[in-house]
Amino acid sequence: MIRKPTTPLIIAMFVFALLLSACSSASDVVSENLAEELIEAGADGNVDVDVSADGEDMTINVDSEDGNVSIDVSGDGDEATIEMESEDGTMTIGVGAEMPESLTVPVPDGGEVTTSVEMEDGVMVVVTYDQGRYDEIVSFYDEWTAGSGEEYEKQSMSFETDGQAQRSTMWVGTSSDSFVSVADCFDVQAEESSGEEFNAVCVNINQAG
């Protein structure tokens, strides 16, 4: 499993959250808040954040004792794409994310990659599908884990959240930290999305290096 998030990953997560909540210039929001957020999150030493913007596009360079991070941002709000590079690896969130090259766990056709992380100690990817494919995708991973040569423990559950039933199935490797999960989720980019009701199925794969 990818280890506890490092400062580069924390930075990317903060940037994405700040962009989604921005009600003024996104570059102003990031430059005013990112350094403070990182310090509160426990980044070691001084944190230097340099932000330059051209319209909706933005480049962010962060220097800290935990490492240097370069982030390119394009688009805005739900349409934003964040591409991050650091000494630890690469990460892409949002529109235009691509499947990690080192991923060996199979992925059903017809999905959209929404998060892609490739680090020294593993890869992680999130792929979104039509909600009606939940049972099909669960069957896909039942068959794959049964024939993978590694023992996986399967866990399934369904629970209520905000008045909605959410299904979740997970396969966890017993000899590694790798896992696959399938769950009802939100696809905020879908035309019919209200942002309040589950309208997709998300496959989350965390493959240990």
Protein backbone atom coordinates (compact mmCIF):
# COMPACT_ATOMS: atom_id res chain seq x y z
CA MET A 1 0.00 0.00 0.00
CA ILE A 2 1.20 3.52 -0.67
CA ARG A 3 2.59 4.78 2.61
CA LYS A 4 1.19 7.56 4.76
CA PRO A 5 0.84 10.68 2.56
CA THR A 6 4.07 12.65 2.27
CA THR A 7 4.21 16.42 2.02
CA PRO A 8 3.98 16.33 -1.82
CA LEU A 9 0.74 14.34 -1.65
CA ILE A 10 -0.64 16.57 1.09
CA ILE A 11 0.17 19.61 -1.07
CA ALA A 12 -1.75 18.21 -4.05
CA MET A 13 -4.75 17.39 -1.86
CA PHE A 14 -4.75 20.89 -0.35
CA VAL A 15 -4.49 22.53 -3.76
CA PHE A 16 -7.42 20.51 -5.09
CA ALA A 17 -9.58 21.38 -2.05
CA LEU A 18 -8.65 25.05 -2.26
CA LEU A 19 -9.54 25.22 -5.96
CA LEU A 20 -12.93 23.60 -5.41
CA SER A 21 -13.76 26.05 -2.63
CA ALA A 22 -12.41 29.17 -4.33
CA CYS A 23 -14.92 31.99 -4.66
CA SER A 24 -12.35 34.52 -5.92
CA SER A 25 -9.18 34.19 -7.95
CA ALA A 26 -7.89 30.65 -7.55
CA SER A 27 -4.27 31.82 -7.56
CA ASP A 28 -5.03 34.26 -4.72
CA VAL A 29 -6.73 31.51 -2.70
CA VAL A 30 -3.79 29.14 -3.13
CA SER A 31 -1.04 31.67 -2.46
CA GLU A 32 -2.79 32.99 0.66
CA ASN A 33 -3.67 29.63 2.22
CA LEU A 34 -1.40 26.82 1.04
CA ALA A 35 1.66 27.66 3.14
CA GLU A 36 -0.48 28.04 6.26
CA GLU A 37 -2.23 24.71 5.60
CA LEU A 38 1.08 22.91 5.13
CA ILE A 39 2.57 24.32 8.32
CA GLU A 40 -0.51 23.22 10.26
CA ALA A 41 -0.21 19.76 8.68
CA GLY A 42 3.29 19.42 10.07
CA ALA A 43 5.56 20.21 7.13
CA ASP A 44 9.12 20.47 8.44
CA GLY A 45 10.89 23.81 8.48
CA ASN A 46 10.02 26.82 6.38
CA VAL A 47 7.59 26.42 3.50
CA ASP A 48 8.05 28.65 0.45
CA VAL A 49 5.11 28.77 -1.98
CA ASP A 50 5.53 30.47 -5.36
CA VAL A 51 2.35 30.81 -7.45
CA SER A 52 2.10 32.19 -10.98
CA ALA A 53 -1.13 32.25 -12.96
CA ASP A 54 -2.36 32.92 -16.50
CA GLY A 55 -6.14 32.87 -16.65
CA GLU A 56 -7.35 29.53 -15.29
CA ASP A 57 -3.88 27.96 -15.67
CA MET A 58 -1.52 28.05 -12.74
CA THR A 59 1.98 26.87 -11.80
CA ILE A 60 2.83 26.25 -8.16
CA ASN A 61 6.32 25.56 -6.83
CA VAL A 62 6.67 24.54 -3.19
CA ASP A 63 10.02 24.26 -1.41
CA SER A 64 10.25 22.75 2.06
CA GLU A 65 12.61 20.58 4.07
CA ASP A 66 10.34 17.64 3.15
CA GLY A 67 11.07 18.12 -0.54
CA ASN A 68 10.36 20.22 -3.60
CA VAL A 69 7.10 19.95 -5.52
CA SER A 70 6.07 21.34 -8.91
CA ILE A 71 2.35 21.52 -9.69
CA ASP A 72 0.60 22.53 -12.91
CA VAL A 73 -3.09 23.39 -12.65
CA SER A 74 -5.46 23.82 -15.60
CA GLY A 75 -9.18 24.54 -15.56
CA ASP A 76 -11.25 25.57 -12.58
CA GLY A 77 -13.62 24.07 -10.01
CA ASP A 78 -14.94 20.62 -10.96
CA GLU A 79 -13.10 20.87 -14.30
CA ALA A 80 -9.69 21.41 -12.71
CA THR A 81 -6.75 19.13 -13.45
CA ILE A 82 -3.74 18.97 -11.14
CA GLU A 83 -0.46 17.44 -12.31
CA MET A 84 2.23 17.11 -9.63
CA GLU A 85 5.87 16.05 -9.83
CA SER A 86 8.22 15.52 -6.89
CA GLU A 87 11.20 13.40 -5.89
CA ASP A 88 8.72 10.72 -4.78
CA GLY A 89 6.91 10.39 -8.10
CA THR A 90 3.93 11.83 -9.98
CA MET A 91 0.27 12.44 -9.27
CA THR A 92 -2.64 13.59 -11.44
CA ILE A 93 -6.12 14.45 -10.18
CA GLY A 94 -9.08 15.41 -12.36
CA VAL A 95 -9.75 15.61 -16.08
CA GLY A 96 -7.01 14.06 -18.21
CA ALA A 97 -5.59 11.66 -15.62
CA GLU A 98 -4.05 8.57 -17.22
CA MET A 99 -3.52 4.98 -16.09
CA PRO A 100 -0.16 4.51 -14.29
CA GLU A 101 2.28 2.69 -16.57
CA SER A 102 3.44 0.35 -13.79
CA LEU A 103 -0.07 -0.80 -12.84
CA THR A 104 -0.41 -4.57 -13.30
CA VAL A 105 -3.84 -5.09 -11.69
CA PRO A 106 -6.37 -5.35 -14.55
CA VAL A 107 -9.05 -2.69 -15.02
CA PRO A 108 -12.40 -3.21 -16.79
CA ASP A 109 -12.87 -1.31 -20.06
CA GLY A 110 -15.06 1.76 -20.37
CA GLY A 111 -14.04 3.71 -17.27
CA GLU A 112 -12.61 7.19 -16.79
CA VAL A 113 -9.41 7.65 -14.79
CA THR A 114 -9.93 10.44 -12.24
CA THR A 115 -6.86 9.98 -10.02
CA SER A 116 -3.46 8.55 -10.87
CA VAL A 117 -0.54 8.27 -8.46
CA GLU A 118 2.81 6.64 -9.23
CA MET A 119 5.36 6.58 -6.41
CA GLU A 120 8.52 4.63 -5.60
CA ASP A 121 6.65 2.27 -3.27
CA GLY A 122 3.48 1.70 -5.26
CA VAL A 123 0.77 3.04 -7.52
CA MET A 124 -2.82 4.09 -6.92
CA VAL A 125 -5.58 4.75 -9.42
CA VAL A 126 -9.26 5.65 -9.21
CA VAL A 127 -11.46 4.80 -12.20
CA THR A 128 -15.12 5.88 -12.52
CA TYR A 129 -17.83 3.83 -14.29
CA ASP A 130 -21.58 3.99 -14.94
CA GLN A 131 -23.41 3.10 -11.74
CA GLY A 132 -25.30 0.25 -13.40
CA ARG A 133 -22.05 -1.70 -13.81
CA TYR A 134 -21.51 -2.35 -10.08
CA ASP A 135 -22.35 -6.09 -10.12
CA GLU A 136 -20.43 -6.63 -13.37
CA ILE A 137 -17.28 -5.05 -11.94
CA VAL A 138 -17.55 -6.98 -8.67
CA SER A 139 -17.75 -10.21 -10.71
CA PHE A 140 -14.71 -9.08 -12.74
CA TYR A 141 -12.57 -8.78 -9.60
CA ASP A 142 -14.00 -11.96 -8.06
CA GLU A 143 -12.68 -13.84 -11.10
CA TRP A 144 -9.37 -12.00 -11.22
CA THR A 145 -8.51 -12.40 -7.52
CA ALA A 146 -9.44 -16.11 -7.66
CA GLY A 147 -6.92 -16.70 -10.45
CA SER A 148 -4.24 -14.14 -9.53
CA GLY A 149 -2.02 -16.56 -7.63
CA GLU A 150 -2.28 -14.44 -4.47
CA GLU A 151 -4.77 -14.94 -1.66
CA TYR A 152 -7.26 -12.10 -1.23
CA GLU A 153 -9.78 -11.54 1.55
CA LYS A 154 -13.11 -10.19 0.32
CA GLN A 155 -15.25 -7.81 2.36
CA SER A 156 -18.69 -6.57 1.27
CA MET A 157 -21.03 -4.14 2.97
CA SER A 158 -23.95 -1.80 2.35
CA PHE A 159 -24.86 1.10 4.59
CA GLU A 160 -26.94 4.26 4.67
CA THR A 161 -25.28 7.64 4.26
CA ASP A 162 -27.28 10.86 3.93
CA GLY A 163 -30.39 8.78 3.23
CA GLN A 164 -28.74 6.80 0.42
CA ALA A 165 -27.62 3.19 0.32
CA GLN A 166 -23.95 2.83 -0.54
CA ARG A 167 -22.53 -0.53 -1.64
CA SER A 168 -18.88 -1.34 -1.13
CA THR A 169 -16.78 -4.41 -1.92
CA MET A 170 -13.05 -4.75 -1.18
CA TRP A 171 -10.40 -7.39 -1.87
CA VAL A 172 -7.28 -7.16 0.34
CA GLY A 173 -4.13 -9.15 -0.38
CA THR A 174 -3.09 -11.31 2.58
CA SER A 175 0.61 -11.35 1.63
CA SER A 176 0.88 -7.73 0.49
CA ASP A 177 -0.65 -4.34 1.18
CA SER A 178 -2.38 -4.25 -2.22
CA PHE A 179 -6.15 -3.89 -2.41
CA VAL A 180 -9.01 -3.25 -4.82
CA SER A 181 -12.28 -1.61 -3.83
CA VAL A 182 -15.53 -1.06 -5.73
CA ALA A 183 -18.09 1.38 -4.32
CA ASP A 184 -20.98 3.67 -5.23
CA CYS A 185 -19.64 7.20 -5.58
CA PHE A 186 -20.15 10.66 -7.10
CA ASP A 187 -19.13 11.64 -10.62
CA VAL A 188 -19.40 15.41 -10.32
CA GLN A 189 -18.48 15.88 -13.99
CA ALA A 190 -21.50 13.94 -15.27
CA GLU A 191 -24.20 16.10 -16.85
CA GLU A 192 -26.92 14.60 -14.67
CA SER A 193 -24.91 14.96 -11.47
CA SER A 194 -26.54 16.83 -8.60
CA GLY A 195 -23.47 16.40 -6.43
CA GLU A 196 -25.77 14.96 -3.77
CA GLU A 197 -26.78 11.51 -5.07
CA PHE A 198 -24.51 8.61 -6.00
CA ASN A 199 -24.39 8.40 -9.78
CA ALA A 200 -21.30 6.28 -10.48
CA VAL A 201 -19.16 3.37 -9.39
CA CYS A 202 -15.55 4.04 -8.39
CA VAL A 203 -12.82 1.42 -8.58
CA ASN A 204 -9.86 2.21 -6.31
CA ILE A 205 -6.72 0.16 -6.83
CA ASN A 206 -3.75 0.46 -4.48
CA GLN A 207 -0.87 -1.70 -5.74
CA ALA A 208 2.20 -2.11 -3.56
CA GLY A 209 5.54 -1.66 -5.27
